[in-house]
PDB file of N, CA and C in Angstrom:
ATOM      1  N   UNK A   1      14.134   9.501 -11.999  1.00  0.00           N
ATOM      2  CA  UNK A   1      13.145  10.403 -12.579  1.00  0.00           C
ATOM      3  C   UNK A   1      11.819   9.675 -12.711  1.00  0.00           C
ATOM      4  N   UNK A   2      10.748  10.413 -12.481  1.00  0.00           N
ATOM      5  CA  UNK A   2       9.404   9.887 -12.706  1.00  0.00           C
ATOM      6  C   UNK A   2       9.022  10.192 -14.146  1.00  0.00           C
ATOM      7  N   UNK A   3       8.556   9.180 -14.843  1.00  0.00           N
ATOM      8  CA  UNK A   3       8.106   9.341 -16.218  1.00  0.00           C
ATOM      9  C   UNK A   3       6.609   9.093 -16.276  1.00  0.00           C
ATOM     10  N   UNK A   4       5.878  10.054 -16.823  1.00  0.00           N
ATOM     11  CA  UNK A   4       4.434   9.930 -16.989  1.00  0.00           C
ATOM     12  C   UNK A   4       4.153   9.859 -18.483  1.00  0.00           C
ATOM     13  N   UNK A   5       3.480   8.807 -18.903  1.00  0.00           N
ATOM     14  CA  UNK A   5       3.115   8.636 -20.306  1.00  0.00           C
ATOM     15  C   UNK A   5       1.602   8.569 -20.405  1.00  0.00           C
ATOM     16  N   UNK A   6       1.029   9.478 -21.173  1.00  0.00           N
ATOM     17  CA  UNK A   6      -0.407   9.448 -21.424  1.00  0.00           C
ATOM     18  C   UNK A   6      -0.635   8.680 -22.713  1.00  0.00           C
ATOM     19  N   UNK A   7      -1.502   7.679 -22.650  1.00  0.00           N
ATOM     20  CA  UNK A   7      -1.806   6.833 -23.793  1.00  0.00           C
ATOM     21  C   UNK A   7      -2.974   7.465 -24.548  1.00  0.00           C
ATOM     22  N   UNK A   8      -2.784   7.680 -25.835  1.00  0.00           N
ATOM     23  CA  UNK A   8      -3.742   8.413 -26.649  1.00  0.00           C
ATOM     24  C   UNK A   8      -4.308   7.535 -27.763  1.00  0.00           C
ATOM     25  N   UNK A   9      -5.544   7.797 -28.107  1.00  0.00           N
ATOM     26  CA  UNK A   9      -6.174   7.292 -29.334  1.00  0.00           C
ATOM     27  C   UNK A   9      -6.691   8.534 -30.037  1.00  0.00           C
ATOM     28  N   UNK A  10      -5.881   9.059 -30.931  1.00  0.00           N
ATOM     29  CA  UNK A  10      -6.209  10.349 -31.537  1.00  0.00           C
ATOM     30  C   UNK A  10      -6.138  11.418 -30.468  1.00  0.00           C
ATOM     31  N   UNK A  11      -7.222  12.162 -30.294  1.00  0.00           N
ATOM     32  CA  UNK A  11      -7.286  13.209 -29.271  1.00  0.00           C
ATOM     33  C   UNK A  11      -7.773  12.674 -27.925  1.00  0.00           C
ATOM     34  N   UNK A  12      -8.226  11.433 -27.895  1.00  0.00           N
ATOM     35  CA  UNK A  12      -8.782  10.830 -26.678  1.00  0.00           C
ATOM     36  C   UNK A  12      -7.668  10.269 -25.793  1.00  0.00           C
ATOM     37  N   UNK A  13      -7.669  10.664 -24.534  1.00  0.00           N
ATOM     38  CA  UNK A  13      -6.746  10.090 -23.558  1.00  0.00           C
ATOM     39  C   UNK A  13      -7.400   8.810 -23.045  1.00  0.00           C
ATOM     40  N   UNK A  14      -6.740   7.680 -23.263  1.00  0.00           N
ATOM     41  CA  UNK A  14      -7.329   6.403 -22.853  1.00  0.00           C
ATOM     42  C   UNK A  14      -6.720   5.870 -21.559  1.00  0.00           C
ATOM     43  N   UNK A  15      -5.659   6.505 -21.101  1.00  0.00           N
ATOM     44  CA  UNK A  15      -5.040   6.080 -19.855  1.00  0.00           C
ATOM     45  C   UNK A  15      -3.677   6.699 -19.685  1.00  0.00           C
ATOM     46  N   UNK A  16      -2.972   6.208 -18.673  1.00  0.00           N
ATOM     47  CA  UNK A  16      -1.636   6.731 -18.399  1.00  0.00           C
ATOM     48  C   UNK A  16      -0.819   5.684 -17.664  1.00  0.00           C
ATOM     49  N   UNK A  17       0.493   5.852 -17.727  1.00  0.00           N
ATOM     50  CA  UNK A  17       1.432   5.060 -16.944  1.00  0.00           C
ATOM     51  C   UNK A  17       2.375   6.021 -16.244  1.00  0.00           C
ATOM     52  N   UNK A  18       2.565   5.817 -14.961  1.00  0.00           N
ATOM     53  CA  UNK A  18       3.528   6.577 -14.171  1.00  0.00           C
ATOM     54  C   UNK A  18       4.560   5.575 -13.689  1.00  0.00           C
ATOM     55  N   UNK A  19       5.841   5.911 -13.909  1.00  0.00           N
ATOM     56  CA  UNK A  19       6.880   4.947 -13.578  1.00  0.00           C
ATOM     57  C   UNK A  19       8.087   5.644 -12.973  1.00  0.00           C
ATOM     58  N   UNK A  20       8.627   5.053 -11.927  1.00  0.00           N
ATOM     59  CA  UNK A  20       9.876   5.503 -11.334  1.00  0.00           C
ATOM     60  C   UNK A  20       9.714   6.514 -10.218  1.00  0.00           C
ATOM     61  N   UNK A  21      10.794   6.687  -9.496  1.00  0.00           N
ATOM     62  CA  UNK A  21      10.840   7.656  -8.407  1.00  0.00           C
ATOM     63  C   UNK A  21      11.529   8.916  -8.906  1.00  0.00           C
ATOM     64  N   UNK A  22      11.087  10.054  -8.427  1.00  0.00           N
ATOM     65  CA  UNK A  22      11.613  11.321  -8.934  1.00  0.00           C
ATOM     66  C   UNK A  22      13.071  11.549  -8.546  1.00  0.00           C
ATOM     67  N   UNK A  23      13.470  11.059  -7.391  1.00  0.00           N
ATOM     68  CA  UNK A  23      14.832  11.288  -6.935  1.00  0.00           C
ATOM     69  C   UNK A  23      15.060  12.688  -6.381  1.00  0.00           C
ATOM     70  N   UNK A  24      13.999  13.391  -6.123  1.00  0.00           N
ATOM     71  CA  UNK A  24      14.112  14.759  -5.611  1.00  0.00           C
ATOM     72  C   UNK A  24      14.600  14.774  -4.165  1.00  0.00           C
ATOM     73  N   UNK A  25      14.120  13.830  -3.374  1.00  0.00           N
ATOM     74  CA  UNK A  25      14.492  13.756  -1.956  1.00  0.00           C
ATOM     75  C   UNK A  25      14.400  12.307  -1.506  1.00  0.00           C
ATOM     76  N   UNK A  26      14.795  12.062  -0.269  1.00  0.00           N
ATOM     77  CA  UNK A  26      14.719  10.715   0.290  1.00  0.00           C
ATOM     78  C   UNK A  26      13.280  10.226   0.325  1.00  0.00           C
ATOM     79  N   UNK A  27      13.133   8.907   0.229  1.00  0.00           N
ATOM     80  CA  UNK A  27      11.805   8.303   0.314  1.00  0.00           C
ATOM     81  C   UNK A  27      11.122   8.749   1.601  1.00  0.00           C
ATOM     82  N   UNK A  28       9.871   9.125   1.474  1.00  0.00           N
ATOM     83  CA  UNK A  28       9.114   9.600   2.619  1.00  0.00           C
ATOM     84  C   UNK A  28       9.084  11.107   2.758  1.00  0.00           C
ATOM     85  N   UNK A  29       9.986  11.786   2.051  1.00  0.00           N
ATOM     86  CA  UNK A  29       9.985  13.253   2.103  1.00  0.00           C
ATOM     87  C   UNK A  29      10.131  13.863   0.710  1.00  0.00           C
ATOM     88  N   UNK A  30       9.817  13.076  -0.307  1.00  0.00           N
ATOM     89  CA  UNK A  30       9.925  13.528  -1.698  1.00  0.00           C
ATOM     90  C   UNK A  30       8.605  14.181  -2.111  1.00  0.00           C
ATOM     91  N   UNK A  31       8.602  15.505  -2.232  1.00  0.00           N
ATOM     92  CA  UNK A  31       7.367  16.230  -2.530  1.00  0.00           C
ATOM     93  C   UNK A  31       6.843  15.944  -3.935  1.00  0.00           C
ATOM     94  N   UNK A  32       7.718  15.631  -4.855  1.00  0.00           N
ATOM     95  CA  UNK A  32       7.269  15.336  -6.218  1.00  0.00           C
ATOM     96  C   UNK A  32       6.552  13.989  -6.240  1.00  0.00           C
ATOM     97  N   UNK A  33       7.143  12.980  -5.635  1.00  0.00           N
ATOM     98  CA  UNK A  33       6.482  11.675  -5.572  1.00  0.00           C
ATOM     99  C   UNK A  33       5.146  11.781  -4.846  1.00  0.00           C
ATOM    100  N   UNK A  34       5.102  12.580  -3.787  1.00  0.00           N
ATOM    101  CA  UNK A  34       3.855  12.757  -3.048  1.00  0.00           C
ATOM    102  C   UNK A  34       2.795  13.427  -3.918  1.00  0.00           C
ATOM    103  N   UNK A  35       3.188  14.443  -4.665  1.00  0.00           N
ATOM    104  CA  UNK A  35       2.233  15.136  -5.543  1.00  0.00           C
ATOM    105  C   UNK A  35       1.718  14.211  -6.636  1.00  0.00           C
ATOM    106  N   UNK A  36       2.611  13.436  -7.223  1.00  0.00           N
ATOM    107  CA  UNK A  36       2.223  12.502  -8.286  1.00  0.00           C
ATOM    108  C   UNK A  36       1.288  11.435  -7.730  1.00  0.00           C
ATOM    109  N   UNK A  37       1.661  10.836  -6.617  1.00  0.00           N
ATOM    110  CA  UNK A  37       0.849   9.781  -6.022  1.00  0.00           C
ATOM    111  C   UNK A  37      -0.540  10.289  -5.660  1.00  0.00           C
ATOM    112  N   UNK A  38      -0.604  11.450  -5.059  1.00  0.00           N
ATOM    113  CA  UNK A  38      -1.891  12.018  -4.668  1.00  0.00           C
ATOM    114  C   UNK A  38      -2.775  12.283  -5.883  1.00  0.00           C
ATOM    115  N   UNK A  39      -2.203  12.842  -6.941  1.00  0.00           N
ATOM    116  CA  UNK A  39      -2.984  13.139  -8.149  1.00  0.00           C
ATOM    117  C   UNK A  39      -3.482  11.869  -8.820  1.00  0.00           C
ATOM    118  N   UNK A  40      -2.638  10.850  -8.874  1.00  0.00           N
ATOM    119  CA  UNK A  40      -3.036   9.569  -9.465  1.00  0.00           C
ATOM    120  C   UNK A  40      -4.156   8.936  -8.647  1.00  0.00           C
ATOM    121  N   UNK A  41      -4.016   8.944  -7.342  1.00  0.00           N
ATOM    122  CA  UNK A  41      -5.051   8.353  -6.478  1.00  0.00           C
ATOM    123  C   UNK A  41      -6.376   9.095  -6.610  1.00  0.00           C
ATOM    124  N   UNK A  42      -6.321  10.413  -6.653  1.00  0.00           N
ATOM    125  CA  UNK A  42      -7.542  11.203  -6.808  1.00  0.00           C
ATOM    126  C   UNK A  42      -8.235  10.868  -8.126  1.00  0.00           C
ATOM    127  N   UNK A  43      -7.467  10.788  -9.202  1.00  0.00           N
ATOM    128  CA  UNK A  43      -8.040  10.473 -10.516  1.00  0.00           C
ATOM    129  C   UNK A  43      -8.653   9.083 -10.513  1.00  0.00           C
ATOM    130  N   UNK A  44      -7.939   8.107  -9.986  1.00  0.00           N
ATOM    131  CA  UNK A  44      -8.451   6.735  -9.943  1.00  0.00           C
ATOM    132  C   UNK A  44      -9.706   6.643  -9.077  1.00  0.00           C
ATOM    133  N   UNK A  45      -9.713   7.331  -7.948  1.00  0.00           N
ATOM    134  CA  UNK A  45     -10.901   7.321  -7.078  1.00  0.00           C
ATOM    135  C   UNK A  45     -12.101   7.966  -7.772  1.00  0.00           C
ATOM    136  N   UNK A  46     -11.862   9.052  -8.472  1.00  0.00           N
ATOM    137  CA  UNK A  46     -12.959   9.724  -9.177  1.00  0.00           C
ATOM    138  C   UNK A  46     -13.549   8.815 -10.246  1.00  0.00           C
ATOM    139  N   UNK A  47     -12.683   8.157 -11.013  1.00  0.00           N
ATOM    140  CA  UNK A  47     -13.149   7.307 -12.109  1.00  0.00           C
ATOM    141  C   UNK A  47     -13.797   6.022 -11.590  1.00  0.00           C
ATOM    142  N   UNK A  48     -13.164   5.363 -10.654  1.00  0.00           N
ATOM    143  CA  UNK A  48     -13.654   4.052 -10.214  1.00  0.00           C
ATOM    144  C   UNK A  48     -14.600   4.106  -9.021  1.00  0.00           C
ATOM    145  N   UNK A  49     -14.261   4.868  -7.999  1.00  0.00           N
ATOM    146  CA  UNK A  49     -15.076   4.861  -6.783  1.00  0.00           C
ATOM    147  C   UNK A  49     -16.281   5.790  -6.877  1.00  0.00           C
ATOM    148  N   UNK A  50     -16.103   6.950  -7.487  1.00  0.00           N
ATOM    149  CA  UNK A  50     -17.218   7.900  -7.583  1.00  0.00           C
ATOM    150  C   UNK A  50     -18.088   7.588  -8.792  1.00  0.00           C
ATOM    151  N   UNK A  51     -17.474   7.466  -9.972  1.00  0.00           N
ATOM    152  CA  UNK A  51     -18.244   7.204 -11.190  1.00  0.00           C
ATOM    153  C   UNK A  51     -18.560   5.720 -11.371  1.00  0.00           C
ATOM    154  N   UNK A  52     -17.796   4.848 -10.738  1.00  0.00           N
ATOM    155  CA  UNK A  52     -18.033   3.406 -10.828  1.00  0.00           C
ATOM    156  C   UNK A  52     -17.785   2.819 -12.199  1.00  0.00           C
ATOM    157  N   UNK A  53     -16.750   3.308 -12.890  1.00  0.00           N
ATOM    158  CA  UNK A  53     -16.537   2.916 -14.289  1.00  0.00           C
ATOM    159  C   UNK A  53     -15.659   1.696 -14.474  1.00  0.00           C
ATOM    160  N   UNK A  54     -15.001   1.223 -13.456  1.00  0.00           N
ATOM    161  CA  UNK A  54     -14.205   0.006 -13.574  1.00  0.00           C
ATOM    162  C   UNK A  54     -12.989   0.136 -14.468  1.00  0.00           C
ATOM    163  N   UNK A  55     -12.288   1.262 -14.378  1.00  0.00           N
ATOM    164  CA  UNK A  55     -11.047   1.413 -15.141  1.00  0.00           C
ATOM    165  C   UNK A  55     -10.032   0.388 -14.653  1.00  0.00           C
ATOM    166  N   UNK A  56      -9.254  -0.126 -15.575  1.00  0.00           N
ATOM    167  CA  UNK A  56      -8.212  -1.092 -15.255  1.00  0.00           C
ATOM    168  C   UNK A  56      -7.051  -0.361 -14.580  1.00  0.00           C
ATOM    169  N   UNK A  57      -6.593  -0.895 -13.450  1.00  0.00           N
ATOM    170  CA  UNK A  57      -5.460  -0.316 -12.732  1.00  0.00           C
ATOM    171  C   UNK A  57      -4.475  -1.436 -12.436  1.00  0.00           C
ATOM    172  N   UNK A  58      -3.213  -1.228 -12.826  1.00  0.00           N
ATOM    173  CA  UNK A  58      -2.156  -2.202 -12.559  1.00  0.00           C
ATOM    174  C   UNK A  58      -1.035  -1.494 -11.809  1.00  0.00           C
ATOM    175  N   UNK A  59      -0.625  -2.069 -10.691  1.00  0.00           N
ATOM    176  CA  UNK A  59       0.473  -1.538  -9.895  1.00  0.00           C
ATOM    177  C   UNK A  59       1.574  -2.583  -9.893  1.00  0.00           C
ATOM    178  N   UNK A  60       2.795  -2.133 -10.204  1.00  0.00           N
ATOM    179  CA  UNK A  60       3.947  -3.032 -10.167  1.00  0.00           C
ATOM    180  C   UNK A  60       5.001  -2.412  -9.260  1.00  0.00           C
ATOM    181  N   UNK A  61       5.194  -3.022  -8.123  1.00  0.00           N
ATOM    182  CA  UNK A  61       6.190  -2.505  -7.185  1.00  0.00           C
ATOM    183  C   UNK A  61       7.604  -2.717  -7.707  1.00  0.00           C
ATOM    184  N   UNK A  62       7.812  -3.728  -8.548  1.00  0.00           N
ATOM    185  CA  UNK A  62       9.154  -4.039  -9.039  1.00  0.00           C
ATOM    186  C   UNK A  62       9.791  -2.884  -9.801  1.00  0.00           C
ATOM    187  N   UNK A  63       8.994  -2.105 -10.522  1.00  0.00           N
ATOM    188  CA  UNK A  63       9.551  -0.942 -11.230  1.00  0.00           C
ATOM    189  C   UNK A  63       8.832   0.354 -10.852  1.00  0.00           C
ATOM    190  N   UNK A  64       8.165   0.328  -9.713  1.00  0.00           N
ATOM    191  CA  UNK A  64       7.458   1.511  -9.182  1.00  0.00           C
ATOM    192  C   UNK A  64       6.576   2.135 -10.255  1.00  0.00           C
ATOM    193  N   UNK A  65       5.650   1.329 -10.782  1.00  0.00           N
ATOM    194  CA  UNK A  65       4.785   1.860 -11.837  1.00  0.00           C
ATOM    195  C   UNK A  65       3.318   1.600 -11.530  1.00  0.00           C
ATOM    196  N   UNK A  66       2.495   2.471 -12.081  1.00  0.00           N
ATOM    197  CA  UNK A  66       1.047   2.298 -12.028  1.00  0.00           C
ATOM    198  C   UNK A  66       0.495   2.685 -13.387  1.00  0.00           C
ATOM    199  N   UNK A  67      -0.404   1.849 -13.886  1.00  0.00           N
ATOM    200  CA  UNK A  67      -1.052   2.100 -15.161  1.00  0.00           C
ATOM    201  C   UNK A  67      -2.557   2.083 -14.954  1.00  0.00           C
ATOM    202  N   UNK A  68      -3.230   3.050 -15.538  1.00  0.00           N
ATOM    203  CA  UNK A  68      -4.685   3.077 -15.504  1.00  0.00           C
ATOM    204  C   UNK A  68      -5.191   3.243 -16.921  1.00  0.00           C
ATOM    205  N   UNK A  69      -6.202   2.461 -17.275  1.00  0.00           N
ATOM    206  CA  UNK A  69      -6.814   2.547 -18.597  1.00  0.00           C
ATOM    207  C   UNK A  69      -8.323   2.633 -18.422  1.00  0.00           C
ATOM    208  N   UNK A  70      -8.927   3.657 -19.021  1.00  0.00           N
ATOM    209  CA  UNK A  70     -10.377   3.785 -18.910  1.00  0.00           C
ATOM    210  C   UNK A  70     -11.047   2.849 -19.911  1.00  0.00           C
ATOM    211  N   UNK A  71     -12.217   2.351 -19.567  1.00  0.00           N
ATOM    212  CA  UNK A  71     -12.907   1.438 -20.475  1.00  0.00           C
ATOM    213  C   UNK A  71     -13.469   2.172 -21.693  1.00  0.00           C
ATOM    214  N   UNK A  72     -13.707   1.429 -22.751  1.00  0.00           N
ATOM    215  CA  UNK A  72     -14.385   1.974 -23.918  1.00  0.00           C
ATOM    216  C   UNK A  72     -15.887   1.884 -23.737  1.00  0.00           C
ATOM    217  N   UNK A  73     -16.613   2.455 -24.667  1.00  0.00           N
ATOM    218  CA  UNK A  73     -18.061   2.345 -24.663  1.00  0.00           C
ATOM    219  C   UNK A  73     -18.752   3.108 -23.549  1.00  0.00           C
ATOM    220  N   UNK A  74     -18.125   4.168 -23.076  1.00  0.00           N
ATOM    221  CA  UNK A  74     -18.724   4.964 -22.001  1.00  0.00           C
ATOM    222  C   UNK A  74     -19.849   5.836 -22.551  1.00  0.00           C
ATOM    223  N   UNK A  75     -20.763   6.180 -21.672  1.00  0.00           N
ATOM    224  CA  UNK A  75     -21.788   7.146 -22.063  1.00  0.00           C
ATOM    225  C   UNK A  75     -21.106   8.476 -22.365  1.00  0.00           C
ATOM    226  N   UNK A  76     -21.790   9.333 -23.085  1.00  0.00           N
ATOM    227  CA  UNK A  76     -21.202  10.634 -23.437  1.00  0.00           C
ATOM    228  C   UNK A  76     -20.821  11.420 -22.187  1.00  0.00           C
ATOM    229  N   UNK A  77     -21.681  11.383 -21.174  1.00  0.00           N
ATOM    230  CA  UNK A  77     -21.399  12.118 -19.939  1.00  0.00           C
ATOM    231  C   UNK A  77     -20.166  11.560 -19.227  1.00  0.00           C
ATOM    232  N   UNK A  78     -20.070  10.238 -19.114  1.00  0.00           N
ATOM    233  CA  UNK A  78     -18.912   9.636 -18.451  1.00  0.00           C
ATOM    234  C   UNK A  78     -17.635   9.841 -19.255  1.00  0.00           C
ATOM    235  N   UNK A  79     -17.735   9.762 -20.574  1.00  0.00           N
ATOM    236  CA  UNK A  79     -16.568  10.011 -21.428  1.00  0.00           C
ATOM    237  C   UNK A  79     -16.070  11.436 -21.239  1.00  0.00           C
ATOM    238  N   UNK A  80     -16.982  12.392 -21.238  1.00  0.00           N
ATOM    239  CA  UNK A  80     -16.604  13.792 -21.052  1.00  0.00           C
ATOM    240  C   UNK A  80     -15.957  13.997 -19.687  1.00  0.00           C
ATOM    241  N   UNK A  81     -16.525  13.398 -18.659  1.00  0.00           N
ATOM    242  CA  UNK A  81     -15.963  13.526 -17.314  1.00  0.00           C
ATOM    243  C   UNK A  81     -14.567  12.913 -17.245  1.00  0.00           C
ATOM    244  N   UNK A  82     -14.393  11.721 -17.814  1.00  0.00           N
ATOM    245  CA  UNK A  82     -13.074  11.074 -17.814  1.00  0.00           C
ATOM    246  C   UNK A  82     -12.050  11.904 -18.572  1.00  0.00           C
ATOM    247  N   UNK A  83     -12.436  12.450 -19.719  1.00  0.00           N
ATOM    248  CA  UNK A  83     -11.503  13.261 -20.490  1.00  0.00           C
ATOM    249  C   UNK A  83     -11.114  14.519 -19.725  1.00  0.00           C
ATOM    250  N   UNK A  84     -12.060  15.096 -19.016  1.00  0.00           N
ATOM    251  CA  UNK A  84     -11.763  16.279 -18.207  1.00  0.00           C
ATOM    252  C   UNK A  84     -10.789  15.926 -17.086  1.00  0.00           C
ATOM    253  N   UNK A  85     -11.044  14.829 -16.394  1.00  0.00           N
ATOM    254  CA  UNK A  85     -10.158  14.400 -15.312  1.00  0.00           C
ATOM    255  C   UNK A  85      -8.749  14.096 -15.823  1.00  0.00           C
ATOM    256  N   UNK A  86      -8.656  13.366 -16.929  1.00  0.00           N
ATOM    257  CA  UNK A  86      -7.347  12.994 -17.461  1.00  0.00           C
ATOM    258  C   UNK A  86      -6.605  14.200 -18.037  1.00  0.00           C
ATOM    259  N   UNK A  87      -7.329  15.116 -18.654  1.00  0.00           N
ATOM    260  CA  UNK A  87      -6.692  16.340 -19.159  1.00  0.00           C
ATOM    261  C   UNK A  87      -6.174  17.180 -17.993  1.00  0.00           C
ATOM    262  N   UNK A  88      -6.939  17.268 -16.919  1.00  0.00           N
ATOM    263  CA  UNK A  88      -6.489  18.004 -15.736  1.00  0.00           C
ATOM    264  C   UNK A  88      -5.238  17.351 -15.138  1.00  0.00           C
ATOM    265  N   UNK A  89      -5.207  16.023 -15.112  1.00  0.00           N
ATOM    266  CA  UNK A  89      -4.032  15.305 -14.625  1.00  0.00           C
ATOM    267  C   UNK A  89      -2.818  15.628 -15.494  1.00  0.00           C
ATOM    268  N   UNK A  90      -3.023  15.660 -16.797  1.00  0.00           N
ATOM    269  CA  UNK A  90      -1.936  15.981 -17.720  1.00  0.00           C
ATOM    270  C   UNK A  90      -1.410  17.397 -17.478  1.00  0.00           C
ATOM    271  N   UNK A  91      -2.304  18.346 -17.299  1.00  0.00           N
ATOM    272  CA  UNK A  91      -1.900  19.737 -17.033  1.00  0.00           C
ATOM    273  C   UNK A  91      -1.143  19.819 -15.706  1.00  0.00           C
ATOM    274  N   UNK A  92      -1.633  19.126 -14.703  1.00  0.00           N
ATOM    275  CA  UNK A  92      -0.964  19.114 -13.392  1.00  0.00           C
ATOM    276  C   UNK A  92       0.457  18.570 -13.520  1.00  0.00           C
ATOM    277  N   UNK A  93       0.611  17.453 -14.222  1.00  0.00           N
ATOM    278  CA  UNK A  93       1.942  16.868 -14.373  1.00  0.00           C
ATOM    279  C   UNK A  93       2.846  17.742 -15.239  1.00  0.00           C
ATOM    280  N   UNK A  94       2.290  18.393 -16.251  1.00  0.00           N
ATOM    281  CA  UNK A  94       3.080  19.315 -17.073  1.00  0.00           C
ATOM    282  C   UNK A  94       3.575  20.489 -16.225  1.00  0.00           C
ATOM    283  N   UNK A  95       2.746  20.960 -15.315  1.00  0.00           N
ATOM    284  CA  UNK A  95       3.162  22.041 -14.411  1.00  0.00           C
ATOM    285  C   UNK A  95       4.286  21.583 -13.488  1.00  0.00           C
ATOM    286  N   UNK A  96       4.175  20.356 -12.983  1.00  0.00           N
ATOM    287  CA  UNK A  96       5.259  19.817 -12.159  1.00  0.00           C
ATOM    288  C   UNK A  96       6.551  19.703 -12.969  1.00  0.00           C
ATOM    289  N   UNK A  97       6.427  19.292 -14.223  1.00  0.00           N
ATOM    290  CA  UNK A  97       7.607  19.187 -15.084  1.00  0.00           C
ATOM    291  C   UNK A  97       8.263  20.558 -15.288  1.00  0.00           C
ATOM    292  N   UNK A  98       7.447  21.588 -15.494  1.00  0.00           N
ATOM    293  CA  UNK A  98       8.003  22.935 -15.668  1.00  0.00           C
ATOM    294  C   UNK A  98       8.773  23.382 -14.431  1.00  0.00           C
ATOM    295  N   UNK A  99       8.266  23.018 -13.265  1.00  0.00           N
ATOM    296  CA  UNK A  99       8.906  23.421 -12.015  1.00  0.00           C
ATOM    297  C   UNK A  99      10.098  22.536 -11.647  1.00  0.00           C
ATOM    298  N   UNK A 100      10.020  21.246 -11.993  1.00  0.00           N
ATOM    299  CA  UNK A 100      11.054  20.274 -11.628  1.00  0.00           C
ATOM    300  C   UNK A 100      11.465  19.437 -12.851  1.00  0.00           C
ATOM    301  N   UNK A 101      12.031  20.050 -13.877  1.00  0.00           N
ATOM    302  CA  UNK A 101      12.293  19.328 -15.134  1.00  0.00           C
ATOM    303  C   UNK A 101      13.289  18.173 -15.018  1.00  0.00           C
ATOM    304  N   UNK A 102      14.122  18.171 -13.991  1.00  0.00           N
ATOM    305  CA  UNK A 102      15.090  17.083 -13.826  1.00  0.00           C
ATOM    306  C   UNK A 102      14.521  15.894 -13.069  1.00  0.00           C
ATOM    307  N   UNK A 103      13.238  16.004 -12.654  1.00  0.00           N
ATOM    308  CA  UNK A 103      12.689  14.963 -11.793  1.00  0.00           C
ATOM    309  C   UNK A 103      11.397  14.332 -12.300  1.00  0.00           C
ATOM    310  N   UNK A 104      10.746  14.965 -13.267  1.00  0.00           N
ATOM    311  CA  UNK A 104       9.521  14.395 -13.840  1.00  0.00           C
ATOM    312  C   UNK A 104       9.447  14.753 -15.322  1.00  0.00           C
ATOM    313  N   UNK A 105       9.127  13.760 -16.126  1.00  0.00           N
ATOM    314  CA  UNK A 105       8.903  14.009 -17.558  1.00  0.00           C
ATOM    315  C   UNK A 105       7.502  13.550 -17.903  1.00  0.00           C
ATOM    316  N   UNK A 106       6.914  14.223 -18.875  1.00  0.00           N
ATOM    317  CA  UNK A 106       5.540  13.933 -19.292  1.00  0.00           C
ATOM    318  C   UNK A 106       5.528  13.792 -20.804  1.00  0.00           C
ATOM    319  N   UNK A 107       4.898  12.730 -21.293  1.00  0.00           N
ATOM    320  CA  UNK A 107       4.829  12.517 -22.744  1.00  0.00           C
ATOM    321  C   UNK A 107       3.509  11.883 -23.126  1.00  0.00           C
ATOM    322  N   UNK A 108       3.232  11.904 -24.410  1.00  0.00           N
ATOM    323  CA  UNK A 108       2.051  11.261 -24.972  1.00  0.00           C
ATOM    324  C   UNK A 108       2.521  10.213 -25.969  1.00  0.00           C
ATOM    325  N   UNK A 109       1.758   9.123 -26.072  1.00  0.00           N
ATOM    326  CA  UNK A 109       2.057   8.122 -27.091  1.00  0.00           C
ATOM    327  C   UNK A 109       0.756   7.496 -27.598  1.00  0.00           C
ATOM    328  N   UNK A 110       0.747   7.192 -28.878  1.00  0.00           N
ATOM    329  CA  UNK A 110      -0.416   6.537 -29.506  1.00  0.00           C
ATOM    330  C   UNK A 110      -0.392   5.066 -29.174  1.00  0.00           C
TER     331      UNK A 110
END
């Protein structure tokens, strides 16, 4: 199962961790893993490559995990954009969970 944990500071989403394989299908044809990977890459590209914010990204192949943490001290505009992107990611993953509850879980933690 893929586990997605959104890291929170109050109402602010400060990052997320995605860990594990969904187990929906064989590697290379798993639509859930593909959807998760694509959404994570899009979010990271928007934050780091488009906005240039330098969010911390850690990838660990040993447990199939990726963690992204947005920096503090952002301008109001960048903070709003990051919160919108991360909230959209959360909604996307929640929708995947509703459709495939045995293969992806989504949670929040302080």
